[in-house]
Structures are given as C-alpha cells and as structure tokens.
Amino acid sequence: MRKTLTLGLFGFGCVGQGLYHVLEETHGLKATIKKIVVKNKEKQRPLSKNLFTFDKEAVLNDPEIDVVVELIDDANAAFEILKTALKNGKHVVTATKKMIAEHLEEIFYLQQQYDRSVLYEGAVCGSIPILRNLEEYYDNDLLTGIEGIFNGSTNYILTKVFEEKKGYAEALKQAQDLGFAESDPRLDVQAFDPKFKLTIAIAHAFGVFVKPEDIINIGIDKISDLDLKFAREKGYAIKLIARAIRVDGKIYGLVAPQFVEAENPLSNIRLEYNAVQLQGAFADKQLFVGKGAGSYPTGSAVLSDISALTYDYRYEYKKTHQLPRNEFSNDWSIETFVRFTQGEKVSIRDFEKFEAGYAANGQQYMVGQTEFSKLKEWAQNENIGIILAPQATFKAAQPAAVSELLHTV
C-alpha cells in the first residue's frame, strides 16, 4: 500500500523550487514538505517564512520527517546530511552528483547498515529515468556499452555556437541566465559534471564502483574556431560524449568532445536535452532522450524518487552481485584528433598508431590512436585541443613490446 510521506528539504535554489512546484501540481502523491533548510537569511522567498528554517537539526532530528531531500551545491555538507539522515532512520533523496560519485560505494554500504534507501535519479541526466531502467529493465541484459550526452549545459552552448554562430562566452552566459549551467561553470564546460554522472551510471550498468578521478574528463572549453570550421566542412556536429564499454570483463570510461556524423542520432540532440544510448547483448541499441537541465526536469526526477519511496522502493545494485565481476581499467587507446600550436612537443611517436597530420592557420593537427596516459597528459596542456574521431571506439592498449615495434616500422 502506498505510504504518506513527510519531507524535509535542504536547499531552495533552482531544483528545490522546481521540486516544490511539481509537487504542488502532482495529484495522487501522498507527500508534503514540512520544513526547508536554507542558508541565506536575507534572501526573499516566494513562500511563507514559517516553512523555512536555518537550523539543519530541525529536519534531521524531527521524528515526523520520513525523507530528507538534499538539493544543495556543497558536496561535503551534502554527504554529512546524508549520513546523519540515514543514521536517524530517514530515507534520502538527493541530486548532488559530485557527492554521490565520490562516495557511492560508501553510500551502498550505509544503506545496508541502516536499512534505509538513498535514491538519486535526478543526479543523472535530468528527466531521463536511466538509473531505474538500468536497475529494473536491464537487470539481466548483458550491457556492453553506455554513451551519450550527459550534460545539458554544454549541449546548449554547442547548439548555440553551431546553429547561431554565437561566441562561446555569449552562449555560456545564456546557459547560466537560464539556470542550465552550474554555479561554477567549470563543472560543466570542463566535463566534471558528466564525469560524475558517468561514474554513477557505471555502478548501475556494470556493477563497478569507480572513483571519479580514475575517469579522464576533457571539456569543451578548448574547442577552437578552427575545430568548428573543420566540423562544418565535414558535416559533423561536436558533442560532449560520456561513454563506458565492457570488453572481456573490463570497463573502459571517458568523457570528451567528439566529432559526430550526421547519421548518428546524437547529432540531432539540441539545446539542453540529454540522450543516453545503451548497447545490450540482447536488446541491441536503445536511445533515451529528455531534458537534462533546468528546475522542472530535475525537479520531476527528484519527485519520481519520492514517489518510489511511497512504495518502499530501493536500488538493489543487482550488477554488483553478478559473476564474473567486471573491473575498471584505463589500459586502452582511442582514435583522437589532436590540435596544437607550433612549438608544442607532440610527435608521431606519441600515437599508438598514427594516421594523418596537417597544418592550417598556425595550428597543427595530428590524428591517430592515442593511449590513455598520453591523452591525460595532453588534456592538462592549455595549448592542446582534443576531440575524438567520429568512429572512435576503445581498444585494449598494445603490450609495450608490440607498441614499440609499431613505432619502429
């Protein structure tokens, strides 16, 4: 039987206000917000002052509150809220993807220790119910890959840059004004945000807990006018793609810009929309599309978790119990376009397999199969731009002896 829930909410920003409004408009869901914890005592808010408190204990220690909904932008504070709420016998719904990604394995064990649920559908790809699908629909399908556009802010920026030929700074400002971009835009444009989401998705898709720092993230902030010109001439789009694949029990993961051909369904994903494409051994390819940024899309995803708790739902992390177990590995290479200024120390020998090279407008391009270690090194250089090739796929890295032999041929 469906329960009636009393909620305590942390944060009343973009997502918190979106949740409040969609909860007010949703009929049939037996859940009410008793208190909202906020920090700024001077800020004017559109609701009664009696609904707000500046004391977190008013929520965490209230025995009438069943569920703590955490929607703040401080990952460390969010984790303390989560732990205290579980310890006090409360379920938790959260959308703080950085906190979840950094502590997911510990969150997994805390749920078992305190016999309470932590749900976080709103943390990954906004309105797309991807985690619930990975948990339920794909619980037994042998998934071989997950990839897509996991960040609505950067997709909005790239759409504006490509279709309206706006400058990068102007497009970023628009994304921030609309509430799509994070308070710190580096989380979006340097691809930390989609990396956190990919970290979470890998746990539910493949049963592997990965540390975010083990996944390389390359953002859109170094995409140049020359890159855009090249893409237009070839009929490509440029998208920020998060991807993970399973090969022989190893999971490879990466977030990076990619040239995308027109026939690829991801090329048509515009503005703040997200898309997730799953590759299964039995179900083949399936594409999920939905709004990934904004107060209402994320608020509706948070609401779906609250609704699920009225039926005592919890993630079972089914893939973590399946044998043989997968393991995460960075022993891979991938086909890459590397753009650099003259004088940078990039050479043919840096590639596992070199394919082409050319120069234009004072910039040089090299294209070839690039190992993880070299890609990570280049990503830290402000004068080197990296965009994956249209058909780029992970390949297990060559053994050192073979790699050396290829360089000498």
Protein backbone atom coordinates (compact mmCIF):
# COMPACT_ATOMS: atom_id res chain seq x y z
CA MET A 1 0.00 0.00 0.00
CA ARG A 2 1.20 3.49 -0.85
CA LYS A 3 2.57 5.44 2.13
CA THR A 4 2.09 9.06 3.11
CA LEU A 5 5.48 10.78 3.45
CA THR A 6 6.60 13.89 5.30
CA LEU A 7 9.60 15.59 3.70
CA GLY A 8 12.39 17.79 4.96
CA LEU A 9 14.11 19.73 2.17
CA PHE A 10 17.68 21.06 2.13
CA GLY A 11 18.12 23.84 -0.42
CA PHE A 12 15.61 26.03 -2.25
CA GLY A 13 17.51 27.02 -5.35
CA CYS A 14 16.71 26.19 -8.95
CA VAL A 15 15.98 22.48 -8.39
CA GLY A 16 14.41 22.94 -4.96
CA GLN A 17 11.90 25.44 -6.31
CA GLY A 18 11.23 23.18 -9.29
CA LEU A 19 10.50 20.29 -6.94
CA TYR A 20 8.14 22.39 -4.83
CA HIS A 21 6.14 23.45 -7.89
CA VAL A 22 5.87 19.99 -9.47
CA LEU A 23 4.91 18.52 -6.07
CA GLU A 24 2.13 21.13 -5.77
CA GLU A 25 0.84 20.23 -9.24
CA THR A 26 1.00 16.46 -8.77
CA HIS A 27 -2.21 14.82 -7.65
CA GLY A 28 -2.26 11.39 -6.04
CA LEU A 29 1.21 11.56 -4.49
CA LYS A 30 0.92 11.50 -0.72
CA ALA A 31 3.91 13.66 0.25
CA THR A 32 4.19 17.07 1.88
CA ILE A 33 7.15 19.32 2.69
CA LYS A 34 7.24 20.18 6.41
CA LYS A 35 10.44 22.26 6.54
CA ILE A 36 13.02 23.70 4.14
CA VAL A 37 16.55 24.35 5.38
CA VAL A 38 18.27 27.36 3.76
CA LYS A 39 21.44 29.37 4.47
CA ASN A 40 20.80 32.95 3.38
CA LYS A 41 18.70 34.76 5.99
CA GLU A 42 18.36 37.92 3.88
CA LYS A 43 17.04 36.36 0.67
CA GLN A 44 13.41 36.97 -0.20
CA ARG A 45 11.46 33.78 -0.94
CA PRO A 46 8.02 33.26 -2.53
CA LEU A 47 6.67 31.06 0.30
CA SER A 48 5.68 31.60 3.92
CA LYS A 49 8.57 32.26 6.30
CA ASN A 50 7.18 29.59 8.60
CA LEU A 51 8.15 26.92 6.06
CA PHE A 52 11.85 27.82 6.27
CA THR A 53 14.49 27.19 8.89
CA PHE A 54 18.21 27.91 9.20
CA ASP A 55 18.78 25.00 11.58
CA LYS A 56 19.56 21.66 9.93
CA GLU A 57 18.70 19.82 13.15
CA ALA A 58 15.08 20.95 12.72
CA VAL A 59 14.90 18.48 9.85
CA LEU A 60 17.46 15.83 10.75
CA ASN A 61 16.12 15.32 14.29
CA ASP A 62 12.41 15.69 13.57
CA PRO A 63 10.80 12.24 14.13
CA GLU A 64 7.83 13.20 11.92
CA ILE A 65 10.04 13.63 8.83
CA ASP A 66 10.38 10.38 6.88
CA VAL A 67 12.50 11.55 3.95
CA VAL A 68 15.32 14.07 3.69
CA VAL A 69 15.54 15.62 0.22
CA GLU A 70 19.02 17.08 -0.28
CA LEU A 71 19.43 19.63 -3.11
CA ILE A 72 22.41 21.80 -2.15
CA ASP A 73 25.62 22.51 -4.10
CA ASP A 74 28.13 21.73 -1.32
CA ALA A 75 29.20 18.09 -1.80
CA ASN A 76 30.90 17.76 1.59
CA ALA A 77 27.94 19.20 3.50
CA ALA A 78 25.58 17.05 1.43
CA PHE A 79 27.39 13.86 2.44
CA GLU A 80 27.20 14.78 6.13
CA ILE A 81 23.46 15.42 5.74
CA LEU A 82 23.03 12.05 4.02
CA LYS A 83 24.93 10.11 6.70
CA THR A 84 23.11 11.79 9.58
CA ALA A 85 19.71 11.30 7.95
CA LEU A 86 20.33 7.57 7.45
CA LYS A 87 21.63 7.19 10.99
CA ASN A 88 18.43 8.87 12.24
CA GLY A 89 16.26 6.40 10.36
CA LYS A 90 15.31 8.59 7.40
CA HIS A 91 15.37 7.82 3.69
CA VAL A 92 17.33 10.22 1.47
CA VAL A 93 16.63 11.60 -1.99
CA THR A 94 19.49 13.61 -3.48
CA ALA A 95 20.57 15.18 -6.77
CA THR A 96 24.13 16.15 -5.78
CA LYS A 97 26.03 14.12 -8.36
CA LYS A 98 29.53 15.11 -7.15
CA MET A 99 28.79 13.86 -3.64
CA ILE A 100 27.23 10.63 -4.91
CA ALA A 101 30.05 9.90 -7.35
CA GLU A 102 32.77 10.49 -4.74
CA HIS A 103 31.08 8.38 -2.05
CA LEU A 104 28.93 5.88 -3.95
CA GLU A 105 30.50 2.71 -2.59
CA GLU A 106 30.19 4.01 0.98
CA ILE A 107 26.58 5.05 0.30
CA PHE A 108 25.95 1.49 -0.92
CA TYR A 109 27.08 0.08 2.45
CA LEU A 110 25.39 2.78 4.55
CA GLN A 111 22.02 1.83 3.05
CA GLN A 112 22.56 -1.76 4.17
CA GLN A 113 23.81 -0.73 7.60
CA TYR A 114 20.80 1.46 8.41
CA ASP A 115 18.21 -0.36 6.26
CA ARG A 116 17.18 2.85 4.51
CA SER A 117 17.09 3.93 0.86
CA VAL A 118 19.14 6.56 -0.93
CA LEU A 119 17.65 7.43 -4.33
CA TYR A 120 19.26 9.82 -6.83
CA GLU A 121 17.59 9.59 -10.24
CA GLY A 122 17.73 13.38 -10.52
CA ALA A 123 21.54 13.32 -10.36
CA VAL A 124 21.96 11.66 -13.77
CA CYS A 125 20.56 13.16 -16.99
CA GLY A 126 17.68 15.18 -15.59
CA SER A 127 14.29 13.91 -16.69
CA ILE A 128 15.57 10.66 -18.26
CA PRO A 129 14.80 7.73 -15.89
CA ILE A 130 18.04 6.00 -16.76
CA LEU A 131 19.05 4.61 -13.36
CA ARG A 132 15.68 2.99 -12.75
CA ASN A 133 15.87 1.42 -16.22
CA LEU A 134 19.39 0.10 -15.58
CA GLU A 135 18.23 -1.35 -12.26
CA GLU A 136 14.96 -2.89 -13.44
CA TYR A 137 14.69 -3.33 -17.21
CA TYR A 138 18.37 -4.08 -17.81
CA ASP A 139 18.97 -6.04 -14.63
CA ASN A 140 19.76 -9.24 -16.54
CA ASP A 141 20.60 -7.96 -20.03
CA LEU A 142 24.33 -8.15 -20.74
CA LEU A 143 25.04 -4.49 -21.35
CA THR A 144 28.15 -3.87 -23.43
CA GLY A 145 28.06 -0.09 -23.59
CA ILE A 146 26.51 3.15 -22.40
CA GLU A 147 27.17 6.51 -24.02
CA GLY A 148 25.52 9.82 -24.64
CA ILE A 149 25.12 13.49 -23.91
CA PHE A 150 25.05 13.70 -20.12
CA ASN A 151 25.28 17.48 -19.71
CA GLY A 152 22.52 19.81 -20.91
CA SER A 153 24.52 23.00 -20.31
CA THR A 154 27.35 22.15 -22.69
CA ASN A 155 24.91 20.78 -25.25
CA TYR A 156 23.03 24.08 -25.10
CA ILE A 157 26.29 26.01 -25.58
CA LEU A 158 27.42 23.85 -28.51
CA THR A 159 23.98 24.16 -30.16
CA LYS A 160 24.11 27.94 -29.95
CA VAL A 161 27.69 28.06 -31.20
CA PHE A 162 26.96 25.76 -34.16
CA GLU A 163 23.47 26.84 -35.23
CA GLU A 164 23.51 30.54 -34.37
CA LYS A 165 27.28 31.07 -34.58
CA LYS A 166 27.33 32.75 -31.19
CA GLY A 167 30.60 33.19 -29.36
CA TYR A 168 31.48 30.71 -26.64
CA ALA A 169 31.29 33.32 -23.84
CA GLU A 170 27.89 34.59 -25.00
CA ALA A 171 26.44 31.08 -25.23
CA LEU A 172 27.78 30.23 -21.75
CA LYS A 173 26.21 33.42 -20.32
CA GLN A 174 22.84 32.45 -21.84
CA ALA A 175 23.09 28.97 -20.31
CA GLN A 176 23.79 30.49 -16.88
CA ASP A 177 20.97 33.03 -17.18
CA LEU A 178 18.52 30.23 -17.96
CA GLY A 179 19.67 28.21 -14.94
CA PHE A 180 21.18 25.42 -17.06
CA ALA A 181 24.82 25.93 -16.11
CA GLU A 182 26.21 25.14 -12.65
CA SER A 183 27.11 27.96 -10.25
CA ASP A 184 30.74 27.12 -11.11
CA PRO A 185 30.65 26.76 -14.94
CA ARG A 186 33.90 24.79 -14.90
CA LEU A 187 31.94 21.79 -13.62
CA ASP A 188 30.06 21.82 -16.93
CA VAL A 189 32.47 23.12 -19.57
CA GLN A 190 35.46 21.14 -18.26
CA ALA A 191 33.29 17.99 -18.17
CA PHE A 192 33.42 17.27 -14.43
CA ASP A 193 29.61 17.17 -14.22
CA PRO A 194 29.15 14.47 -16.91
CA LYS A 195 32.07 12.54 -15.42
CA PHE A 196 30.29 12.38 -12.06
CA LYS A 197 27.14 11.18 -13.83
CA LEU A 198 29.07 8.55 -15.78
CA THR A 199 30.66 7.32 -12.54
CA ILE A 200 27.19 6.76 -11.08
CA ALA A 201 25.84 5.15 -14.26
CA ILE A 202 28.75 2.68 -14.42
CA ALA A 203 27.82 1.31 -10.99
CA HIS A 204 24.27 0.58 -12.11
CA ALA A 205 25.14 -0.57 -15.63
CA PHE A 206 28.15 -2.78 -14.85
CA GLY A 207 28.26 -3.23 -11.07
CA VAL A 208 31.59 -1.45 -10.67
CA PHE A 209 32.30 1.34 -8.16
CA VAL A 210 34.76 3.74 -9.80
CA LYS A 211 36.46 6.77 -8.30
CA PRO A 212 35.76 9.90 -10.40
CA GLU A 213 39.47 10.73 -10.51
CA ASP A 214 40.08 7.47 -12.40
CA ILE A 215 37.94 8.68 -15.33
CA ILE A 216 39.53 11.23 -17.65
CA ASN A 217 37.36 14.26 -18.47
CA ILE A 218 38.09 16.59 -21.39
CA GLY A 219 35.78 19.60 -21.72
CA ILE A 220 34.56 21.93 -24.44
CA ASP A 221 36.42 24.99 -23.17
CA LYS A 222 39.36 24.45 -25.57
CA ILE A 223 37.31 23.93 -28.74
CA SER A 224 38.62 26.47 -31.27
CA ASP A 225 37.17 28.29 -34.28
CA LEU A 226 39.36 26.04 -36.41
CA ASP A 227 37.72 22.97 -34.88
CA LEU A 228 34.28 24.42 -35.64
CA LYS A 229 35.29 25.24 -39.21
CA PHE A 230 36.64 21.71 -39.75
CA ALA A 231 33.42 20.19 -38.33
CA ARG A 232 31.19 22.30 -40.59
CA GLU A 233 33.22 21.44 -43.67
CA LYS A 234 32.92 17.72 -42.92
CA GLY A 235 29.23 17.89 -41.97
CA TYR A 236 29.98 16.93 -38.37
CA ALA A 237 28.50 18.16 -35.13
CA ILE A 238 30.63 18.40 -31.99
CA LYS A 239 29.11 16.86 -28.88
CA LEU A 240 30.45 16.26 -25.39
CA ILE A 241 30.11 12.48 -25.08
CA ALA A 242 30.30 10.40 -21.93
CA ARG A 243 30.88 6.71 -22.62
CA ALA A 244 31.73 3.43 -20.97
CA ILE A 245 32.03 -0.01 -22.56
CA ARG A 246 32.63 -3.55 -21.34
CA VAL A 247 35.20 -5.71 -23.11
CA ASP A 248 36.24 -9.10 -21.72
CA GLY A 249 35.25 -8.17 -18.18
CA LYS A 250 36.99 -4.78 -18.26
CA ILE A 251 35.15 -1.47 -18.15
CA TYR A 252 36.64 1.49 -20.03
CA GLY A 253 35.28 5.02 -19.45
CA LEU A 254 35.89 8.53 -20.78
CA VAL A 255 34.22 11.94 -21.22
CA ALA A 256 35.42 14.05 -24.16
CA PRO A 257 34.22 16.15 -27.11
CA GLN A 258 33.69 14.14 -30.29
CA PHE A 259 33.08 14.85 -33.96
CA VAL A 260 29.66 13.28 -34.60
CA GLU A 261 28.45 12.32 -38.07
CA ALA A 262 25.01 13.49 -39.25
CA GLU A 263 23.57 9.94 -39.30
CA ASN A 264 24.46 9.42 -35.62
CA PRO A 265 21.26 10.02 -33.58
CA LEU A 266 23.26 12.01 -31.00
CA SER A 267 23.98 14.69 -33.63
CA ASN A 268 20.31 15.74 -33.53
CA ILE A 269 20.15 16.24 -29.74
CA ARG A 270 19.83 20.01 -29.33
CA LEU A 271 19.87 22.68 -26.64
CA GLU A 272 19.54 21.47 -23.02
CA TYR A 273 18.46 17.96 -23.96
CA ASN A 274 20.34 14.87 -22.83
CA ALA A 275 20.49 11.50 -24.55
CA VAL A 276 21.60 8.09 -23.31
CA GLN A 277 22.23 5.22 -25.71
CA LEU A 278 22.54 1.69 -24.34
CA GLN A 279 24.09 -1.23 -26.17
CA GLY A 280 22.92 -4.64 -25.00
CA ALA A 281 23.81 -8.15 -26.00
CA PHE A 282 20.13 -9.00 -26.43
CA ALA A 283 18.24 -5.69 -26.72
CA ASP A 284 20.73 -4.13 -29.18
CA LYS A 285 20.74 -0.29 -29.14
CA GLN A 286 18.15 1.81 -27.33
CA LEU A 287 18.09 5.59 -27.11
CA PHE A 288 16.60 7.65 -24.26
CA VAL A 289 16.11 11.40 -24.78
CA GLY A 290 14.88 14.09 -22.38
CA LYS A 291 15.62 17.49 -20.91
CA GLY A 292 18.78 17.37 -18.85
CA ALA A 293 18.95 20.84 -17.37
CA GLY A 294 16.57 23.23 -15.67
CA SER A 295 14.49 23.30 -12.50
CA TYR A 296 11.48 21.32 -13.68
CA PRO A 297 13.19 18.40 -15.46
CA THR A 298 15.44 17.71 -12.47
CA GLY A 299 12.65 18.51 -10.02
CA SER A 300 10.40 15.95 -11.72
CA ALA A 301 13.15 13.32 -11.46
CA VAL A 302 13.52 14.04 -7.74
CA LEU A 303 9.74 13.77 -7.42
CA SER A 304 9.83 10.33 -9.08
CA ASP A 305 12.21 9.16 -6.34
CA ILE A 306 9.90 10.48 -3.65
CA SER A 307 7.02 8.69 -5.33
CA ALA A 308 9.05 5.47 -5.45
CA LEU A 309 9.64 5.68 -1.70
CA THR A 310 5.89 5.63 -1.08
CA TYR A 311 6.15 2.03 -2.36
CA ASP A 312 9.32 1.25 -0.33
CA TYR A 313 11.50 1.20 -3.45
CA ARG A 314 15.28 0.93 -3.19
CA TYR A 315 18.16 0.32 -5.56
CA GLU A 316 19.32 -3.28 -5.40
CA TYR A 317 22.62 -2.74 -7.29
CA LYS A 318 21.97 -6.08 -8.97
CA LYS A 319 25.01 -5.98 -11.24
CA THR A 320 27.36 -5.87 -8.23
CA HIS A 321 26.22 -9.40 -7.31
CA GLN A 322 26.65 -10.96 -10.74
CA LEU A 323 29.60 -13.18 -11.63
CA PRO A 324 32.11 -12.96 -13.12
CA ARG A 325 32.74 -9.47 -11.76
CA ASN A 326 33.84 -6.61 -14.01
CA GLU A 327 36.76 -4.31 -13.22
CA PHE A 328 37.54 -0.77 -14.33
CA SER A 329 40.67 -0.28 -16.43
CA ASN A 330 42.50 2.57 -18.15
CA ASP A 331 44.58 0.20 -20.26
CA TRP A 332 43.08 1.48 -23.51
CA SER A 333 43.58 3.70 -26.56
CA ILE A 334 41.13 5.64 -28.73
CA GLU A 335 41.22 7.47 -32.09
CA THR A 336 41.78 11.18 -31.49
CA PHE A 337 42.17 14.50 -33.33
CA VAL A 338 44.89 16.48 -31.55
CA ARG A 339 45.26 20.21 -32.32
CA PHE A 340 48.28 22.14 -31.05
CA THR A 341 50.29 25.28 -31.64
CA GLN A 342 53.68 25.15 -33.25
CA GLY A 343 56.37 24.51 -30.69
CA GLU A 344 54.34 22.05 -28.59
CA LYS A 345 56.08 18.71 -28.18
CA VAL A 346 53.60 16.48 -29.99
CA SER A 347 55.06 13.93 -32.38
CA ILE A 348 54.10 10.92 -34.44
CA ARG A 349 55.74 8.68 -31.84
CA ASP A 350 53.17 9.81 -29.27
CA PHE A 351 50.50 7.76 -31.02
CA GLU A 352 49.97 4.04 -30.75
CA LYS A 353 49.00 4.25 -34.43
CA PHE A 354 49.50 7.47 -36.39
CA GLU A 355 47.02 8.12 -39.22
CA ALA A 356 47.35 11.67 -40.58
CA GLY A 357 48.65 15.14 -39.93
CA TYR A 358 48.25 18.62 -41.42
CA ALA A 359 48.67 22.32 -40.59
CA ALA A 360 46.41 25.35 -41.04
CA ASN A 361 46.34 28.93 -39.72
CA GLY A 362 49.29 28.44 -37.42
CA GLN A 363 47.80 25.30 -35.88
CA GLN A 364 48.74 21.69 -36.42
CA TYR A 365 46.53 18.61 -36.39
CA MET A 366 47.54 15.02 -35.82
CA VAL A 367 45.12 12.11 -35.92
CA GLY A 368 45.75 8.66 -34.53
CA GLN A 369 45.16 6.02 -31.89
CA THR A 370 46.07 7.57 -28.54
CA GLU A 371 46.72 5.78 -25.25
CA PHE A 372 45.09 6.88 -22.02
CA SER A 373 48.30 8.13 -20.42
CA LYS A 374 49.16 10.39 -23.36
CA LEU A 375 45.59 11.68 -23.62
CA LYS A 376 45.64 12.55 -19.91
CA GLU A 377 48.95 14.39 -20.33
CA TRP A 378 47.69 16.41 -23.31
CA ALA A 379 44.40 17.24 -21.59
CA GLN A 380 46.34 19.18 -18.93
CA ASN A 381 48.03 21.39 -21.55
CA GLU A 382 46.12 24.61 -22.33
CA ASN A 383 47.67 24.75 -25.82
CA ILE A 384 46.45 21.32 -26.90
CA GLY A 385 42.89 20.63 -28.01
CA ILE A 386 41.46 17.12 -28.08
CA ILE A 387 38.38 15.91 -29.97
CA LEU A 388 37.61 12.24 -30.55
CA ALA A 389 37.21 10.92 -34.09
CA PRO A 390 33.67 10.25 -35.40
CA GLN A 391 34.01 6.45 -35.18
CA ALA A 392 36.23 6.42 -32.09
CA THR A 393 35.99 3.25 -30.02
CA PHE A 394 38.04 1.95 -27.13
CA LYS A 395 40.74 -0.56 -27.95
CA ALA A 396 42.78 -2.51 -25.42
CA ALA A 397 46.23 -0.91 -25.36
CA GLN A 398 49.02 -2.76 -27.14
CA PRO A 399 51.60 -4.50 -24.93
CA ALA A 400 54.72 -2.37 -24.56
CA ALA A 401 56.83 -4.61 -26.82
CA VAL A 402 54.24 -4.52 -29.60
CA SER A 403 53.75 -0.78 -29.24
CA GLU A 404 57.49 -0.20 -29.56
CA LEU A 405 57.63 -2.41 -32.63
CA LEU A 406 54.83 -0.41 -34.31
CA HIS A 407 56.72 2.84 -33.66
CA THR A 408 59.80 1.50 -35.40
CA VAL A 409 58.03 0.21 -38.53
